[in-house]
C-alpha atoms as a PDB file:
ATOM      1  CA  MET A   1       0.000   0.000   0.000  1.00  0.00           C
ATOM      2  CA  TYR A   2       1.263   3.454  -0.934  1.00  0.00           C
ATOM      3  CA  LEU A   3       0.503   6.624   0.978  1.00  0.00           C
ATOM      4  CA  LEU A   4       0.076   9.637  -1.286  1.00  0.00           C
ATOM      5  CA  GLN A   5       0.851  12.976   0.285  1.00  0.00           C
ATOM      6  CA  LYS A   6      -0.098  16.387  -1.020  1.00  0.00           C
ATOM      7  CA  LYS A   7       2.933  18.607  -1.642  1.00  0.00           C
ATOM      8  CA  ASN A   8       2.906  22.370  -1.677  1.00  0.00           C
ATOM      9  CA  LEU A   9       5.042  23.166  -4.729  1.00  0.00           C
ATOM     10  CA  LEU A  10       5.554  26.730  -3.578  1.00  0.00           C
ATOM     11  CA  GLN A  11       7.030  25.801  -0.199  1.00  0.00           C
ATOM     12  CA  SER A  12      10.597  24.559   0.220  1.00  0.00           C
ATOM     13  CA  VAL A  13      11.237  21.192   1.843  1.00  0.00           C
ATOM     14  CA  PHE A  14      14.642  22.363   3.098  1.00  0.00           C
ATOM     15  CA  ASP A  15      15.401  24.821   5.892  1.00  0.00           C
ATOM     16  CA  ASN A  16      18.750  26.138   4.599  1.00  0.00           C
ATOM     17  CA  LYS A  17      18.485  29.242   2.415  1.00  0.00           C
ATOM     18  CA  TYR A  18      21.212  30.915   0.394  1.00  0.00           C
ATOM     19  CA  LEU A  19      21.471  34.438  -0.988  1.00  0.00           C
ATOM     20  CA  SER A  20      20.811  33.843  -4.682  1.00  0.00           C
ATOM     21  CA  THR A  21      20.319  35.410  -8.084  1.00  0.00           C
ATOM     22  CA  ILE A  22      18.749  33.476 -10.956  1.00  0.00           C
ATOM     23  CA  TRP A  23      19.865  34.240 -14.496  1.00  0.00           C
ATOM     24  CA  GLY A  24      18.514  33.067 -17.825  1.00  0.00           C
ATOM     25  CA  PRO A  25      20.707  31.140 -20.257  1.00  0.00           C
ATOM     26  CA  THR A  26      21.937  34.056 -22.392  1.00  0.00           C
ATOM     27  CA  CYS A  27      24.481  35.534 -19.961  1.00  0.00           C
ATOM     28  CA  ASP A  28      23.043  38.924 -20.895  1.00  0.00           C
ATOM     29  CA  SER A  29      22.484  41.632 -18.287  1.00  0.00           C
ATOM     30  CA  CYS A  30      18.795  41.775 -19.316  1.00  0.00           C
ATOM     31  CA  ASP A  31      18.396  38.078 -18.543  1.00  0.00           C
ATOM     32  CA  CYS A  32      18.209  38.427 -14.735  1.00  0.00           C
ATOM     33  CA  ILE A  33      15.098  36.591 -13.516  1.00  0.00           C
ATOM     34  CA  ILE A  34      15.307  37.413  -9.802  1.00  0.00           C
ATOM     35  CA  LYS A  35      18.071  39.070  -7.770  1.00  0.00           C
ATOM     36  CA  ASP A  36      19.292  38.885  -4.153  1.00  0.00           C
ATOM     37  CA  VAL A  37      16.699  36.514  -2.687  1.00  0.00           C
ATOM     38  CA  LEU A  38      17.016  33.674  -0.192  1.00  0.00           C
ATOM     39  CA  LEU A  39      16.471  30.328  -1.907  1.00  0.00           C
ATOM     40  CA  PRO A  40      17.072  26.684  -1.016  1.00  0.00           C
ATOM     41  CA  GLU A  41      19.738  24.638  -2.795  1.00  0.00           C
ATOM     42  CA  PHE A  42      18.559  23.367  -6.176  1.00  0.00           C
ATOM     43  CA  TYR A  43      19.445  20.140  -7.915  1.00  0.00           C
ATOM     44  CA  ILE A  44      19.474  19.057 -11.565  1.00  0.00           C
ATOM     45  CA  GLY A  45      15.901  18.383 -12.595  1.00  0.00           C
ATOM     46  CA  ASP A  46      14.305  20.695 -10.004  1.00  0.00           C
ATOM     47  CA  TRP A  47      11.521  22.891 -11.334  1.00  0.00           C
ATOM     48  CA  LEU A  48      11.107  26.589 -10.604  1.00  0.00           C
ATOM     49  CA  ILE A  49       7.515  27.814 -10.717  1.00  0.00           C
ATOM     50  CA  TRP A  50       6.376  31.416 -11.082  1.00  0.00           C
ATOM     51  CA  LYS A  51       2.861  32.769 -11.016  1.00  0.00           C
ATOM     52  CA  ASP A  52       2.158  35.314 -13.770  1.00  0.00           C
ATOM     53  CA  MET A  53       5.644  35.355 -15.268  1.00  0.00           C
ATOM     54  CA  GLY A  54       4.525  37.583 -18.132  1.00  0.00           C
ATOM     55  CA  ALA A  55       3.879  37.655 -21.838  1.00  0.00           C
ATOM     56  CA  TYR A  56       7.453  38.303 -22.966  1.00  0.00           C
ATOM     57  CA  THR A  57       9.210  35.373 -21.337  1.00  0.00           C
ATOM     58  CA  THR A  58       9.244  33.264 -24.507  1.00  0.00           C
ATOM     59  CA  SER A  59       9.262  36.076 -27.058  1.00  0.00           C
ATOM     60  CA  ARG A  60      12.744  37.087 -25.822  1.00  0.00           C
ATOM     61  CA  VAL A  61      14.112  33.578 -26.297  1.00  0.00           C
ATOM     62  CA  CYS A  62      17.093  33.275 -28.607  1.00  0.00           C
ATOM     63  CA  GLU A  63      19.441  30.410 -29.378  1.00  0.00           C
ATOM     64  CA  PHE A  64      22.490  32.315 -28.148  1.00  0.00           C
ATOM     65  CA  ASN A  65      24.985  30.001 -26.391  1.00  0.00           C
ATOM     66  CA  GLY A  66      23.315  26.969 -28.004  1.00  0.00           C
ATOM     67  CA  PHE A  67      20.171  26.968 -25.853  1.00  0.00           C
ATOM     68  CA  LEU A  68      17.041  25.852 -27.695  1.00  0.00           C
ATOM     69  CA  GLN A  69      13.605  27.369 -27.128  1.00  0.00           C
ATOM     70  CA  PRO A  70      11.914  25.775 -24.130  1.00  0.00           C
ATOM     71  CA  ILE A  71       8.828  23.616 -24.277  1.00  0.00           C
ATOM     72  CA  VAL A  72       6.022  25.573 -22.625  1.00  0.00           C
ATOM     73  CA  HIS A  73       3.397  23.784 -20.544  1.00  0.00           C
ATOM     74  CA  SER A  74       0.527  26.241 -20.141  1.00  0.00           C
ATOM     75  CA  PHE A  75      -2.347  25.454 -17.842  1.00  0.00           C
ATOM     76  CA  ILE A  76      -5.486  27.156 -16.593  1.00  0.00           C
ATOM     77  CA  ARG A  77      -8.221  26.192 -14.172  1.00  0.00           C
ATOM     78  CA  LYS A  78     -11.375  25.024 -15.924  1.00  0.00           C
ATOM     79  CA  SER A  79     -13.407  27.696 -14.115  1.00  0.00           C
ATOM     80  CA  GLN A  80     -11.067  30.463 -15.342  1.00  0.00           C
ATOM     81  CA  TRP A  81     -11.123  29.069 -18.880  1.00  0.00           C
ATOM     82  CA  LEU A  82     -14.940  29.072 -18.901  1.00  0.00           C
ATOM     83  CA  ILE A  83     -15.013  32.658 -17.621  1.00  0.00           C
ATOM     84  CA  SER A  84     -12.550  33.803 -20.318  1.00  0.00           C
ATOM     85  CA  ILE A  85     -14.578  32.055 -23.053  1.00  0.00           C
ATOM     86  CA  PHE A  86     -17.766  33.684 -21.739  1.00  0.00           C
ATOM     87  CA  GLU A  87     -16.139  37.146 -21.611  1.00  0.00           C
ATOM     88  CA  MET A  88     -14.812  36.727 -25.153  1.00  0.00           C
ATOM     89  CA  PHE A  89     -18.257  35.662 -26.380  1.00  0.00           C
ATOM     90  CA  ILE A  90     -19.958  38.651 -24.703  1.00  0.00           C
ATOM     91  CA  SER A  91     -17.300  41.065 -25.989  1.00  0.00           C
ATOM     92  CA  ARG A  92     -17.646  39.870 -29.585  1.00  0.00           C
ATOM     93  CA  ASN A  93     -21.433  40.006 -29.476  1.00  0.00           C
ATOM     94  CA  ILE A  94     -21.432  43.539 -28.041  1.00  0.00           C
ATOM     95  CA  THR A  95     -18.969  44.669 -30.714  1.00  0.00           C
ATOM     96  CA  THR A  96     -21.056  43.060 -33.460  1.00  0.00           C
ATOM     97  CA  PHE A  97     -24.201  44.667 -32.034  1.00  0.00           C
ATOM     98  CA  TYR A  98     -22.674  48.175 -32.013  1.00  0.00           C
ATOM     99  CA  ASN A  99     -21.158  47.719 -35.477  1.00  0.00           C
ATOM    100  CA  ASN A 100     -24.582  46.822 -36.870  1.00  0.00           C
ATOM    101  CA  LEU A 101     -26.353  49.848 -35.368  1.00  0.00           C
ATOM    102  CA  THR A 102     -27.455  52.426 -37.911  1.00  0.00           C
ATOM    103  CA  LEU A 103     -27.551  56.039 -36.923  1.00  0.00           C
END
């Protein structure tokens, strides 16, 4: 029998923290992700997760230094997806309605 435990991905499992700066792969001064923060030690294969990283994170990707573009795994809660679809539907119908009005 296996016991499954819920893990909080945003909470460290280690107590030791180190003053850290995280850089992107380009070695460019614009490629600083986060600076002077206390972080736990990371290991190969560890994932770093950000909420709302921004629209330009993949548009700035280049293959400088031999790094390929990353594979992006986007996800959204079903409730948020339904709300966004509904808002898009309402927005398009309102626009169509106003465009068809004759003065």
